[in-house]
Amino acid sequence: MADSELTDFETRVLTMIAALQPGDIVTYGEVAAEVGKPGAARAVGSTLRRHGSEVPWWRVVAANGRLVPGGEQRQTAKLKAEGVLVRNGRVVMR
């Protein structure tokens, strides 16, 4: 997708997530707050649904550590490969 098709919010979200290093974990809410839109966690999720293949989407989880619904196995494999502890469909937050 061309950058011109992204909103400013989407660009900021994708830029932030692209900068995450292996093993880094953030929540949707943390991403929203970091890009200047506290309370926009669902919009972060929507951005990742539309454009997530462009960034390490698996490093973003729900506030309680829950993984992406429907994508838990794939996300678990990617996170474990980076040394992240996943238990019962949730990241063990440190």
N, C-alpha and C. Protein backbone atom coordinates (compact mmCIF):
# COMPACT_ATOMS: atom_id res chain seq x y z
N MET A 1 0.85 -1.18 0.00
CA MET A 1 0.00 0.00 0.00
C MET A 1 0.88 1.23 0.00
N ALA A 2 0.58 2.17 -0.84
CA ALA A 2 1.34 3.41 -0.93
C ALA A 2 1.12 4.25 0.32
N ASP A 3 2.18 4.93 0.77
CA ASP A 3 2.07 5.77 1.96
C ASP A 3 0.99 6.82 1.82
N SER A 4 0.75 7.30 0.60
CA SER A 4 -0.26 8.34 0.40
C SER A 4 -1.67 7.85 0.72
N GLU A 5 -1.86 6.54 0.77
CA GLU A 5 -3.17 5.99 1.09
C GLU A 5 -3.38 5.82 2.59
N LEU A 6 -2.34 6.05 3.38
CA LEU A 6 -2.43 5.92 4.82
C LEU A 6 -2.82 7.24 5.45
N THR A 7 -3.59 7.17 6.52
CA THR A 7 -3.87 8.39 7.28
C THR A 7 -2.64 8.72 8.11
N ASP A 8 -2.60 9.93 8.66
CA ASP A 8 -1.50 10.32 9.52
C ASP A 8 -1.41 9.38 10.72
N PHE A 9 -2.55 9.05 11.31
CA PHE A 9 -2.59 8.14 12.45
C PHE A 9 -2.00 6.78 12.06
N GLU A 10 -2.43 6.23 10.94
CA GLU A 10 -1.93 4.92 10.50
C GLU A 10 -0.42 4.96 10.26
N THR A 11 0.06 6.03 9.67
CA THR A 11 1.49 6.17 9.43
C THR A 11 2.26 6.17 10.73
N ARG A 12 1.77 6.92 11.72
CA ARG A 12 2.44 6.98 13.02
C ARG A 12 2.42 5.62 13.72
N VAL A 13 1.29 4.92 13.65
CA VAL A 13 1.18 3.59 14.27
C VAL A 13 2.18 2.63 13.62
N LEU A 14 2.18 2.57 12.31
CA LEU A 14 3.05 1.64 11.61
C LEU A 14 4.53 1.97 11.81
N THR A 15 4.85 3.25 11.87
CA THR A 15 6.23 3.67 12.11
C THR A 15 6.69 3.24 13.49
N MET A 16 5.82 3.44 14.48
CA MET A 16 6.18 3.04 15.85
C MET A 16 6.39 1.54 15.95
N ILE A 17 5.47 0.77 15.38
CA ILE A 17 5.56 -0.69 15.47
C ILE A 17 6.76 -1.21 14.68
N ALA A 18 7.05 -0.58 13.56
CA ALA A 18 8.21 -1.00 12.76
C ALA A 18 9.52 -0.82 13.53
N ALA A 19 9.54 0.11 14.48
CA ALA A 19 10.75 0.37 15.26
C ALA A 19 10.94 -0.60 16.42
N LEU A 20 9.94 -1.42 16.72
CA LEU A 20 10.06 -2.38 17.82
C LEU A 20 11.12 -3.42 17.49
N GLN A 21 11.89 -3.78 18.50
CA GLN A 21 12.96 -4.76 18.35
C GLN A 21 12.46 -6.15 18.74
N PRO A 22 13.11 -7.20 18.26
CA PRO A 22 12.72 -8.55 18.66
C PRO A 22 12.67 -8.66 20.19
N GLY A 23 11.58 -9.23 20.67
CA GLY A 23 11.38 -9.38 22.11
C GLY A 23 10.62 -8.24 22.75
N ASP A 24 10.50 -7.10 22.05
CA ASP A 24 9.71 -5.98 22.56
C ASP A 24 8.23 -6.33 22.48
N ILE A 25 7.48 -5.96 23.50
CA ILE A 25 6.03 -6.16 23.51
C ILE A 25 5.39 -4.85 23.93
N VAL A 26 4.37 -4.43 23.21
CA VAL A 26 3.58 -3.25 23.58
C VAL A 26 2.11 -3.62 23.47
N THR A 27 1.28 -2.84 24.14
CA THR A 27 -0.16 -3.06 24.04
C THR A 27 -0.75 -2.09 23.02
N TYR A 28 -1.94 -2.42 22.56
CA TYR A 28 -2.64 -1.53 21.63
C TYR A 28 -2.78 -0.14 22.25
N GLY A 29 -3.12 -0.10 23.53
CA GLY A 29 -3.28 1.18 24.22
C GLY A 29 -1.99 1.97 24.32
N GLU A 30 -0.89 1.27 24.56
CA GLU A 30 0.41 1.95 24.62
C GLU A 30 0.77 2.56 23.28
N VAL A 31 0.50 1.83 22.21
CA VAL A 31 0.76 2.37 20.87
C VAL A 31 -0.09 3.61 20.64
N ALA A 32 -1.37 3.52 20.96
CA ALA A 32 -2.27 4.66 20.77
C ALA A 32 -1.78 5.89 21.53
N ALA A 33 -1.41 5.70 22.79
CA ALA A 33 -0.92 6.82 23.60
C ALA A 33 0.38 7.39 23.04
N GLU A 34 1.27 6.51 22.62
CA GLU A 34 2.57 6.94 22.10
C GLU A 34 2.43 7.78 20.83
N VAL A 35 1.44 7.49 20.02
CA VAL A 35 1.26 8.25 18.77
C VAL A 35 0.31 9.44 18.95
N GLY A 36 -0.04 9.73 20.21
CA GLY A 36 -0.82 10.93 20.49
C GLY A 36 -2.32 10.76 20.49
N LYS A 37 -2.81 9.54 20.52
CA LYS A 37 -4.25 9.28 20.52
C LYS A 37 -4.62 8.33 21.65
N PRO A 38 -4.43 8.76 22.92
CA PRO A 38 -4.80 7.86 24.01
C PRO A 38 -6.27 7.47 23.89
N GLY A 39 -6.55 6.23 24.19
CA GLY A 39 -7.93 5.74 24.07
C GLY A 39 -8.28 5.20 22.70
N ALA A 40 -7.34 5.22 21.78
CA ALA A 40 -7.61 4.75 20.41
C ALA A 40 -7.04 3.36 20.16
N ALA A 41 -7.08 2.51 21.18
CA ALA A 41 -6.52 1.15 21.04
C ALA A 41 -7.20 0.38 19.92
N ARG A 42 -8.51 0.52 19.80
CA ARG A 42 -9.22 -0.22 18.74
C ARG A 42 -8.79 0.26 17.35
N ALA A 43 -8.51 1.54 17.22
CA ALA A 43 -8.04 2.07 15.94
C ALA A 43 -6.67 1.50 15.60
N VAL A 44 -5.84 1.27 16.62
CA VAL A 44 -4.55 0.63 16.39
C VAL A 44 -4.78 -0.79 15.85
N GLY A 45 -5.70 -1.51 16.47
CA GLY A 45 -6.04 -2.85 15.99
C GLY A 45 -6.54 -2.85 14.56
N SER A 46 -7.37 -1.88 14.23
CA SER A 46 -7.89 -1.77 12.86
C SER A 46 -6.76 -1.50 11.88
N THR A 47 -5.84 -0.64 12.27
CA THR A 47 -4.69 -0.34 11.41
C THR A 47 -3.88 -1.61 11.16
N LEU A 48 -3.66 -2.39 12.21
CA LEU A 48 -2.89 -3.62 12.04
C LEU A 48 -3.64 -4.65 11.21
N ARG A 49 -4.95 -4.70 11.32
CA ARG A 49 -5.72 -5.62 10.47
C ARG A 49 -5.56 -5.26 9.00
N ARG A 50 -5.54 -3.98 8.70
CA ARG A 50 -5.44 -3.53 7.31
C ARG A 50 -4.01 -3.54 6.76
N HIS A 51 -3.05 -3.18 7.61
CA HIS A 51 -1.69 -2.97 7.13
C HIS A 51 -0.63 -3.73 7.92
N GLY A 52 -1.04 -4.66 8.75
CA GLY A 52 -0.13 -5.34 9.66
C GLY A 52 0.97 -6.14 9.01
N SER A 53 0.75 -6.59 7.79
CA SER A 53 1.79 -7.40 7.14
C SER A 53 3.05 -6.59 6.87
N GLU A 54 2.94 -5.28 6.97
CA GLU A 54 4.07 -4.39 6.70
C GLU A 54 4.98 -4.20 7.91
N VAL A 55 4.55 -4.63 9.08
CA VAL A 55 5.29 -4.39 10.33
C VAL A 55 5.22 -5.63 11.22
N PRO A 56 6.03 -5.69 12.29
CA PRO A 56 5.97 -6.84 13.20
C PRO A 56 4.75 -6.79 14.11
N TRP A 57 3.60 -7.04 13.56
CA TRP A 57 2.31 -6.97 14.25
C TRP A 57 2.25 -7.86 15.48
N TRP A 58 2.99 -8.96 15.47
CA TRP A 58 2.92 -9.94 16.56
C TRP A 58 3.46 -9.39 17.88
N ARG A 59 4.12 -8.24 17.84
CA ARG A 59 4.66 -7.64 19.07
C ARG A 59 3.65 -6.75 19.79
N VAL A 60 2.43 -6.70 19.28
CA VAL A 60 1.37 -5.89 19.89
C VAL A 60 0.31 -6.82 20.45
N VAL A 61 -0.04 -6.61 21.73
CA VAL A 61 -1.00 -7.47 22.41
C VAL A 61 -2.02 -6.61 23.15
N ALA A 62 -3.07 -7.25 23.63
CA ALA A 62 -4.08 -6.56 24.44
C ALA A 62 -3.47 -6.17 25.79
N ALA A 63 -4.14 -5.28 26.50
CA ALA A 63 -3.64 -4.80 27.79
C ALA A 63 -3.40 -5.92 28.79
N ASN A 64 -4.17 -6.99 28.68
CA ASN A 64 -4.01 -8.12 29.59
C ASN A 64 -3.04 -9.18 29.05
N GLY A 65 -2.36 -8.84 27.96
CA GLY A 65 -1.39 -9.76 27.36
C GLY A 65 -1.98 -10.74 26.37
N ARG A 66 -3.30 -10.68 26.17
CA ARG A 66 -3.98 -11.61 25.26
C ARG A 66 -3.49 -11.41 23.82
N LEU A 67 -3.36 -12.52 23.12
CA LEU A 67 -2.89 -12.49 21.74
C LEU A 67 -4.04 -12.21 20.78
N VAL A 68 -3.70 -12.01 19.51
CA VAL A 68 -4.68 -11.69 18.48
C VAL A 68 -5.69 -12.83 18.33
N PRO A 69 -6.98 -12.55 18.50
CA PRO A 69 -7.99 -13.60 18.32
C PRO A 69 -7.92 -14.18 16.91
N GLY A 70 -7.90 -15.50 16.83
CA GLY A 70 -7.84 -16.17 15.54
C GLY A 70 -6.43 -16.33 15.00
N GLY A 71 -5.48 -15.63 15.59
CA GLY A 71 -4.11 -15.73 15.11
C GLY A 71 -3.14 -16.13 16.21
N GLU A 72 -3.69 -16.72 17.27
CA GLU A 72 -2.87 -17.04 18.44
C GLU A 72 -1.70 -17.96 18.14
N GLN A 73 -1.92 -18.99 17.35
CA GLN A 73 -0.84 -19.95 17.08
C GLN A 73 0.30 -19.29 16.32
N ARG A 74 -0.04 -18.52 15.32
CA ARG A 74 0.98 -17.85 14.52
C ARG A 74 1.74 -16.82 15.36
N GLN A 75 0.98 -16.05 16.15
CA GLN A 75 1.59 -15.03 16.99
C GLN A 75 2.47 -15.68 18.07
N THR A 76 1.98 -16.75 18.67
CA THR A 76 2.75 -17.46 19.68
C THR A 76 4.09 -17.94 19.11
N ALA A 77 4.06 -18.53 17.93
CA ALA A 77 5.29 -19.03 17.31
C ALA A 77 6.29 -17.90 17.07
N LYS A 78 5.81 -16.78 16.56
CA LYS A 78 6.70 -15.65 16.29
C LYS A 78 7.29 -15.09 17.58
N LEU A 79 6.45 -14.95 18.60
CA LEU A 79 6.93 -14.41 19.87
C LEU A 79 7.91 -15.35 20.55
N LYS A 80 7.60 -16.63 20.57
CA LYS A 80 8.51 -17.59 21.20
C LYS A 80 9.86 -17.62 20.49
N ALA A 81 9.85 -17.44 19.17
CA ALA A 81 11.10 -17.39 18.41
C ALA A 81 11.96 -16.20 18.83
N GLU A 82 11.32 -15.18 19.40
CA GLU A 82 12.03 -13.98 19.87
C GLU A 82 12.33 -14.05 21.37
N GLY A 83 12.01 -15.18 21.99
CA GLY A 83 12.31 -15.34 23.40
C GLY A 83 11.25 -14.83 24.36
N VAL A 84 10.05 -14.53 23.84
CA VAL A 84 8.96 -14.03 24.67
C VAL A 84 8.21 -15.21 25.27
N LEU A 85 7.91 -15.12 26.55
CA LEU A 85 7.18 -16.18 27.24
C LEU A 85 5.68 -16.02 27.00
N VAL A 86 5.06 -17.05 26.44
CA VAL A 86 3.62 -17.05 26.17
C VAL A 86 3.02 -18.24 26.91
N ARG A 87 1.96 -17.96 27.66
CA ARG A 87 1.31 -19.02 28.43
C ARG A 87 -0.20 -18.84 28.33
N ASN A 88 -0.91 -19.90 27.98
CA ASN A 88 -2.38 -19.88 27.91
C ASN A 88 -2.92 -18.74 27.04
N GLY A 89 -2.30 -18.52 25.89
CA GLY A 89 -2.79 -17.51 24.95
C GLY A 89 -2.51 -16.08 25.36
N ARG A 90 -1.58 -15.90 26.30
CA ARG A 90 -1.23 -14.55 26.76
C ARG A 90 0.29 -14.43 26.90
N VAL A 91 0.76 -13.23 26.65
CA VAL A 91 2.17 -12.93 26.89
C VAL A 91 2.33 -12.75 28.39
N VAL A 92 3.36 -13.35 28.93
CA VAL A 92 3.67 -13.14 30.35
C VAL A 92 4.46 -11.83 30.41
N MET A 93 3.79 -10.79 30.87
CA MET A 93 4.38 -9.45 30.91
C MET A 93 5.41 -9.39 32.03
N ARG A 94 6.54 -8.80 31.74
CA ARG A 94 7.62 -8.70 32.74
C ARG A 94 7.69 -7.32 33.31
